[in-house]
Amino acid sequence: MIASDQTLEHDFMHWQCLSRLFAARQAAGFPLDEAKPLVCYGADGDVGVELTILILKRELDHLVAQYKHNAKKTVDPIERFEWVVKQLSADYFQKADSFQSTMTALCPAEAPHAQKLLDAGECRMVFRARGDGYLVPAKVDQLAADDLRAQFTQLHNFHFNHKQPRPHVILGFHPDWEKAQKVAP
């Protein structure tokens, strides 16, 4: 939980929000390096994979309903894409403290790294970009299909890419902010 503006979690989320707002406004919504950490796992943490990580709002009920409505409203993937970029370009990323600690990633179910991350149950996410860096240890689990965080992740990704891998898993990353640290880029 974010205790104050001085916490590492708040600094990290603020950095993520600025990056993602810039991506929405200047990079057509495509994720920048800040959203694609090296996720390290294995006995020595020496195996890693770059994943696109989604940060999640604390309140997801309304967003899930909104994204579902838009997904059903049009079959045109370009219209969905333009809609989601417009949403993210507005005020979505304006308040870092409106985001929860859990982060997610959608992975093909048959991807070896997905099962290895789940088997390990933990990882280290190394975020580095544009003069900043964070090392964030996290617990890893598979979110159930009826979990709002999983539903939002799937809907969000569907708006960007209607050809999602099938079957897929939604990985939940639960950071240990007490062990996280800012690192040199």
C-alpha atoms as a PDB file:
ATOM      1  CA  MET A   1       0.000   0.000   0.000  1.00  0.00           C
ATOM      2  CA  ILE A   2       1.225   3.499  -0.742  1.00  0.00           C
ATOM      3  CA  ALA A   3       1.881   5.217   2.565  1.00  0.00           C
ATOM      4  CA  SER A   4       3.158   8.586   1.325  1.00  0.00           C
ATOM      5  CA  ASP A   5       4.682  10.379  -1.600  1.00  0.00           C
ATOM      6  CA  GLN A   6       8.099   9.393  -0.248  1.00  0.00           C
ATOM      7  CA  THR A   7       7.792   5.634  -0.693  1.00  0.00           C
ATOM      8  CA  LEU A   8       9.593   3.603  -3.313  1.00  0.00           C
ATOM      9  CA  GLU A   9       6.284   2.144  -4.487  1.00  0.00           C
ATOM     10  CA  HIS A  10       4.890   5.614  -5.111  1.00  0.00           C
ATOM     11  CA  ASP A  11       8.050   6.688  -6.960  1.00  0.00           C
ATOM     12  CA  PHE A  12       7.863   3.553  -9.092  1.00  0.00           C
ATOM     13  CA  MET A  13       4.165   4.004  -9.897  1.00  0.00           C
ATOM     14  CA  HIS A  14       4.699   7.675 -10.684  1.00  0.00           C
ATOM     15  CA  TRP A  15       7.506   6.702 -13.095  1.00  0.00           C
ATOM     16  CA  GLN A  16       5.279   4.030 -14.655  1.00  0.00           C
ATOM     17  CA  CYS A  17       2.366   6.454 -15.057  1.00  0.00           C
ATOM     18  CA  LEU A  18       4.497   9.115 -16.733  1.00  0.00           C
ATOM     19  CA  SER A  19       5.964   6.557 -19.112  1.00  0.00           C
ATOM     20  CA  ARG A  20       2.620   5.010 -19.983  1.00  0.00           C
ATOM     21  CA  LEU A  21       0.970   8.388 -20.491  1.00  0.00           C
ATOM     22  CA  PHE A  22       3.793   9.323 -22.863  1.00  0.00           C
ATOM     23  CA  ALA A  23       3.363   5.973 -24.660  1.00  0.00           C
ATOM     24  CA  ALA A  24      -0.368   6.573 -25.075  1.00  0.00           C
ATOM     25  CA  ARG A  25       0.093  10.119 -26.354  1.00  0.00           C
ATOM     26  CA  GLN A  26       3.302   9.834 -28.368  1.00  0.00           C
ATOM     27  CA  ALA A  27       3.873   6.157 -29.206  1.00  0.00           C
ATOM     28  CA  ALA A  28       0.354   5.186 -30.343  1.00  0.00           C
ATOM     29  CA  GLY A  29      -0.189   3.298 -27.099  1.00  0.00           C
ATOM     30  CA  PHE A  30       2.615   0.808 -27.646  1.00  0.00           C
ATOM     31  CA  PRO A  31       4.543  -0.023 -24.468  1.00  0.00           C
ATOM     32  CA  LEU A  32       7.898   1.612 -23.891  1.00  0.00           C
ATOM     33  CA  ASP A  33      10.850  -0.041 -22.160  1.00  0.00           C
ATOM     34  CA  GLU A  34       9.536   0.994 -18.735  1.00  0.00           C
ATOM     35  CA  ALA A  35       6.600  -1.414 -19.205  1.00  0.00           C
ATOM     36  CA  LYS A  36       8.784  -4.342 -20.301  1.00  0.00           C
ATOM     37  CA  PRO A  37      11.006  -5.498 -17.442  1.00  0.00           C
ATOM     38  CA  LEU A  38      13.375  -8.425 -17.502  1.00  0.00           C
ATOM     39  CA  VAL A  39      11.587 -10.942 -15.284  1.00  0.00           C
ATOM     40  CA  CYS A  40      14.215 -13.192 -13.668  1.00  0.00           C
ATOM     41  CA  TYR A  41      13.495 -16.571 -12.105  1.00  0.00           C
ATOM     42  CA  GLY A  42      15.167 -19.912 -11.454  1.00  0.00           C
ATOM     43  CA  ALA A  43      17.187 -21.220  -8.531  1.00  0.00           C
ATOM     44  CA  ASP A  44      19.735 -18.427  -8.850  1.00  0.00           C
ATOM     45  CA  GLY A  45      17.489 -15.913 -10.598  1.00  0.00           C
ATOM     46  CA  ASP A  46      19.723 -16.336 -13.623  1.00  0.00           C
ATOM     47  CA  VAL A  47      16.978 -17.064 -16.179  1.00  0.00           C
ATOM     48  CA  GLY A  48      14.951 -14.183 -17.511  1.00  0.00           C
ATOM     49  CA  VAL A  49      12.322 -13.189 -20.012  1.00  0.00           C
ATOM     50  CA  GLU A  50      11.147  -9.752 -21.090  1.00  0.00           C
ATOM     51  CA  LEU A  51       7.420  -9.381 -20.452  1.00  0.00           C
ATOM     52  CA  THR A  52       5.028  -6.526 -21.049  1.00  0.00           C
ATOM     53  CA  ILE A  53       3.579  -5.787 -17.628  1.00  0.00           C
ATOM     54  CA  LEU A  54       0.258  -4.070 -16.995  1.00  0.00           C
ATOM     55  CA  ILE A  55      -0.268  -1.825 -13.985  1.00  0.00           C
ATOM     56  CA  LEU A  56      -3.808  -1.937 -12.609  1.00  0.00           C
ATOM     57  CA  LYS A  57      -6.145   0.621 -11.108  1.00  0.00           C
ATOM     58  CA  ARG A  58      -7.327  -0.081  -7.571  1.00  0.00           C
ATOM     59  CA  GLU A  59     -10.977   0.152  -8.667  1.00  0.00           C
ATOM     60  CA  LEU A  60     -11.567  -2.176 -11.623  1.00  0.00           C
ATOM     61  CA  ASP A  61     -15.337  -2.870 -11.602  1.00  0.00           C
ATOM     62  CA  HIS A  62     -16.288   0.141 -13.711  1.00  0.00           C
ATOM     63  CA  LEU A  63     -13.302  -0.258 -16.033  1.00  0.00           C
ATOM     64  CA  VAL A  64     -14.063  -3.924 -16.725  1.00  0.00           C
ATOM     65  CA  ALA A  65     -17.671  -2.996 -17.564  1.00  0.00           C
ATOM     66  CA  GLN A  66     -16.511  -0.130 -19.781  1.00  0.00           C
ATOM     67  CA  TYR A  67     -13.964  -2.269 -21.655  1.00  0.00           C
ATOM     68  CA  LYS A  68     -16.488  -5.118 -22.086  1.00  0.00           C
ATOM     69  CA  HIS A  69     -19.038  -2.685 -23.491  1.00  0.00           C
ATOM     70  CA  ASN A  70     -16.564  -1.275 -25.984  1.00  0.00           C
ATOM     71  CA  ALA A  71     -15.352  -4.743 -27.003  1.00  0.00           C
ATOM     72  CA  LYS A  72     -18.951  -5.740 -27.803  1.00  0.00           C
ATOM     73  CA  LYS A  73     -19.805  -2.416 -29.433  1.00  0.00           C
ATOM     74  CA  THR A  74     -17.569  -2.911 -32.443  1.00  0.00           C
ATOM     75  CA  VAL A  75     -15.943  -5.792 -34.281  1.00  0.00           C
ATOM     76  CA  ASP A  76     -13.457  -3.394 -35.861  1.00  0.00           C
ATOM     77  CA  PRO A  77     -10.058  -3.859 -34.164  1.00  0.00           C
ATOM     78  CA  ILE A  78      -8.952  -0.396 -35.311  1.00  0.00           C
ATOM     79  CA  GLU A  79     -11.926   1.242 -33.584  1.00  0.00           C
ATOM     80  CA  ARG A  80     -11.178  -0.676 -30.373  1.00  0.00           C
ATOM     81  CA  PHE A  81      -7.512   0.287 -30.566  1.00  0.00           C
ATOM     82  CA  GLU A  82      -8.314   3.970 -31.132  1.00  0.00           C
ATOM     83  CA  TRP A  83     -10.817   3.910 -28.262  1.00  0.00           C
ATOM     84  CA  VAL A  84      -8.356   2.433 -25.753  1.00  0.00           C
ATOM     85  CA  VAL A  85      -5.543   4.812 -26.763  1.00  0.00           C
ATOM     86  CA  LYS A  86      -7.952   7.735 -26.323  1.00  0.00           C
ATOM     87  CA  GLN A  87      -8.901   6.444 -22.849  1.00  0.00           C
ATOM     88  CA  LEU A  88      -5.281   6.010 -21.794  1.00  0.00           C
ATOM     89  CA  SER A  89      -4.250   9.383 -23.266  1.00  0.00           C
ATOM     90  CA  ALA A  90      -6.776  11.283 -21.163  1.00  0.00           C
ATOM     91  CA  ASP A  91      -6.602  11.144 -17.371  1.00  0.00           C
ATOM     92  CA  TYR A  92      -6.100   7.405 -16.835  1.00  0.00           C
ATOM     93  CA  PHE A  93      -2.476   7.727 -15.673  1.00  0.00           C
ATOM     94  CA  GLN A  94      -2.828  11.080 -13.871  1.00  0.00           C
ATOM     95  CA  LYS A  95      -2.765   9.767 -10.282  1.00  0.00           C
ATOM     96  CA  ALA A  96      -0.103   7.235  -9.346  1.00  0.00           C
ATOM     97  CA  ASP A  97      -1.844   6.488  -6.055  1.00  0.00           C
ATOM     98  CA  SER A  98      -4.928   5.221  -7.931  1.00  0.00           C
ATOM     99  CA  PHE A  99      -2.962   2.113  -8.947  1.00  0.00           C
ATOM    100  CA  GLN A 100      -2.704  -1.072  -6.913  1.00  0.00           C
ATOM    101  CA  SER A 101       0.488  -2.924  -6.167  1.00  0.00           C
ATOM    102  CA  THR A 102      -0.361  -6.064  -8.189  1.00  0.00           C
ATOM    103  CA  MET A 103       0.824  -6.084 -11.804  1.00  0.00           C
ATOM    104  CA  THR A 104      -0.172  -8.572 -14.506  1.00  0.00           C
ATOM    105  CA  ALA A 105       0.979 -10.123 -17.776  1.00  0.00           C
ATOM    106  CA  LEU A 106      -0.891 -12.193 -20.357  1.00  0.00           C
ATOM    107  CA  CYS A 107       1.192 -15.142 -21.622  1.00  0.00           C
ATOM    108  CA  PRO A 108       0.520 -18.067 -23.956  1.00  0.00           C
ATOM    109  CA  ALA A 109      -0.312 -21.061 -21.751  1.00  0.00           C
ATOM    110  CA  GLU A 110       2.296 -23.184 -23.524  1.00  0.00           C
ATOM    111  CA  ALA A 111       5.086 -20.609 -23.065  1.00  0.00           C
ATOM    112  CA  PRO A 112       7.841 -22.332 -21.051  1.00  0.00           C
ATOM    113  CA  HIS A 113       8.553 -19.185 -19.040  1.00  0.00           C
ATOM    114  CA  ALA A 114       4.936 -18.946 -17.858  1.00  0.00           C
ATOM    115  CA  GLN A 115       4.996 -22.389 -16.268  1.00  0.00           C
ATOM    116  CA  LYS A 116       8.503 -21.862 -14.875  1.00  0.00           C
ATOM    117  CA  LEU A 117       7.449 -18.596 -13.247  1.00  0.00           C
ATOM    118  CA  LEU A 118       4.414 -20.305 -11.731  1.00  0.00           C
ATOM    119  CA  ASP A 119       6.534 -23.235 -10.525  1.00  0.00           C
ATOM    120  CA  ALA A 120       9.067 -20.868  -8.950  1.00  0.00           C
ATOM    121  CA  GLY A 121       6.312 -18.792  -7.356  1.00  0.00           C
ATOM    122  CA  GLU A 122       8.566 -15.762  -7.247  1.00  0.00           C
ATOM    123  CA  CYS A 123      10.733 -13.585  -9.458  1.00  0.00           C
ATOM    124  CA  ARG A 124      12.749 -10.402  -9.662  1.00  0.00           C
ATOM    125  CA  MET A 125      11.525  -7.785 -12.121  1.00  0.00           C
ATOM    126  CA  VAL A 126      14.256  -5.504 -13.420  1.00  0.00           C
ATOM    127  CA  PHE A 127      12.836  -2.278 -14.844  1.00  0.00           C
ATOM    128  CA  ARG A 128      15.380  -0.053 -16.602  1.00  0.00           C
ATOM    129  CA  ALA A 129      14.821   2.839 -18.956  1.00  0.00           C
ATOM    130  CA  ARG A 130      15.727   6.447 -19.602  1.00  0.00           C
ATOM    131  CA  GLY A 131      17.911   7.065 -16.580  1.00  0.00           C
ATOM    132  CA  ASP A 132      15.879   5.154 -14.006  1.00  0.00           C
ATOM    133  CA  GLY A 133      15.816   1.596 -12.779  1.00  0.00           C
ATOM    134  CA  TYR A 134      14.030  -0.536 -10.215  1.00  0.00           C
ATOM    135  CA  LEU A 135      14.601  -4.058  -8.937  1.00  0.00           C
ATOM    136  CA  VAL A 136      11.267  -5.393  -7.719  1.00  0.00           C
ATOM    137  CA  PRO A 137      11.025  -8.868  -6.161  1.00  0.00           C
ATOM    138  CA  ALA A 138       7.547 -10.343  -6.446  1.00  0.00           C
ATOM    139  CA  LYS A 139       5.442 -13.409  -5.765  1.00  0.00           C
ATOM    140  CA  VAL A 140       3.932 -14.901  -8.928  1.00  0.00           C
ATOM    141  CA  ASP A 141       0.632 -16.692  -9.324  1.00  0.00           C
ATOM    142  CA  GLN A 142      -1.960 -17.434 -11.970  1.00  0.00           C
ATOM    143  CA  LEU A 143      -5.058 -15.294 -11.652  1.00  0.00           C
ATOM    144  CA  ALA A 144      -8.393 -17.077 -11.994  1.00  0.00           C
ATOM    145  CA  ALA A 145     -10.525 -16.197 -15.024  1.00  0.00           C
ATOM    146  CA  ASP A 146     -13.188 -14.624 -12.787  1.00  0.00           C
ATOM    147  CA  ASP A 147     -10.662 -12.381 -10.996  1.00  0.00           C
ATOM    148  CA  LEU A 148     -11.301  -8.741 -12.009  1.00  0.00           C
ATOM    149  CA  ARG A 149      -7.563  -8.209 -12.468  1.00  0.00           C
ATOM    150  CA  ALA A 150      -7.447 -11.083 -14.980  1.00  0.00           C
ATOM    151  CA  GLN A 151     -10.586  -9.882 -16.744  1.00  0.00           C
ATOM    152  CA  PHE A 152      -9.203  -6.363 -17.074  1.00  0.00           C
ATOM    153  CA  THR A 153      -5.849  -7.649 -18.326  1.00  0.00           C
ATOM    154  CA  GLN A 154      -7.512  -9.752 -21.004  1.00  0.00           C
ATOM    155  CA  LEU A 155      -9.855  -6.942 -22.095  1.00  0.00           C
ATOM    156  CA  HIS A 156      -7.067  -4.363 -22.115  1.00  0.00           C
ATOM    157  CA  ASN A 157      -4.855  -6.608 -24.244  1.00  0.00           C
ATOM    158  CA  PHE A 158      -7.791  -7.472 -26.541  1.00  0.00           C
ATOM    159  CA  HIS A 159      -8.209  -3.781 -27.377  1.00  0.00           C
ATOM    160  CA  PHE A 160      -4.585  -3.658 -28.517  1.00  0.00           C
ATOM    161  CA  ASN A 161      -4.445  -7.091 -30.150  1.00  0.00           C
ATOM    162  CA  HIS A 162      -7.594  -9.005 -31.027  1.00  0.00           C
ATOM    163  CA  LYS A 163      -5.503 -12.082 -31.860  1.00  0.00           C
ATOM    164  CA  GLN A 164      -4.562 -13.003 -28.316  1.00  0.00           C
ATOM    165  CA  PRO A 165      -2.863 -16.333 -27.760  1.00  0.00           C
ATOM    166  CA  ARG A 166      -5.266 -19.163 -26.963  1.00  0.00           C
ATOM    167  CA  PRO A 167      -5.111 -20.667 -24.493  1.00  0.00           C
ATOM    168  CA  HIS A 168      -3.408 -18.114 -22.285  1.00  0.00           C
ATOM    169  CA  VAL A 169      -2.701 -17.503 -18.624  1.00  0.00           C
ATOM    170  CA  ILE A 170      -2.785 -14.259 -16.697  1.00  0.00           C
ATOM    171  CA  LEU A 171       0.166 -14.015 -14.339  1.00  0.00           C
ATOM    172  CA  GLY A 172      -0.181 -11.893 -11.221  1.00  0.00           C
ATOM    173  CA  PHE A 173       2.951 -10.234  -9.844  1.00  0.00           C
ATOM    174  CA  HIS A 174       2.695  -9.196  -6.191  1.00  0.00           C
ATOM    175  CA  PRO A 175       5.694  -6.980  -5.321  1.00  0.00           C
ATOM    176  CA  ASP A 176       7.547  -7.067  -2.031  1.00  0.00           C
ATOM    177  CA  TRP A 177       8.148  -3.329  -1.726  1.00  0.00           C
ATOM    178  CA  GLU A 178      10.194  -3.740   1.461  1.00  0.00           C
ATOM    179  CA  LYS A 179      12.839  -5.614  -0.567  1.00  0.00           C
ATOM    180  CA  ALA A 180      12.518  -3.544  -3.752  1.00  0.00           C
ATOM    181  CA  GLN A 181      15.192  -1.013  -4.575  1.00  0.00           C
ATOM    182  CA  LYS A 182      16.058   1.706  -6.985  1.00  0.00           C
ATOM    183  CA  VAL A 183      19.006   0.676  -9.172  1.00  0.00           C
ATOM    184  CA  ALA A 184      21.322   2.365 -11.621  1.00  0.00           C
ATOM    185  CA  PRO A 185      20.072   2.299 -15.190  1.00  0.00           C
END
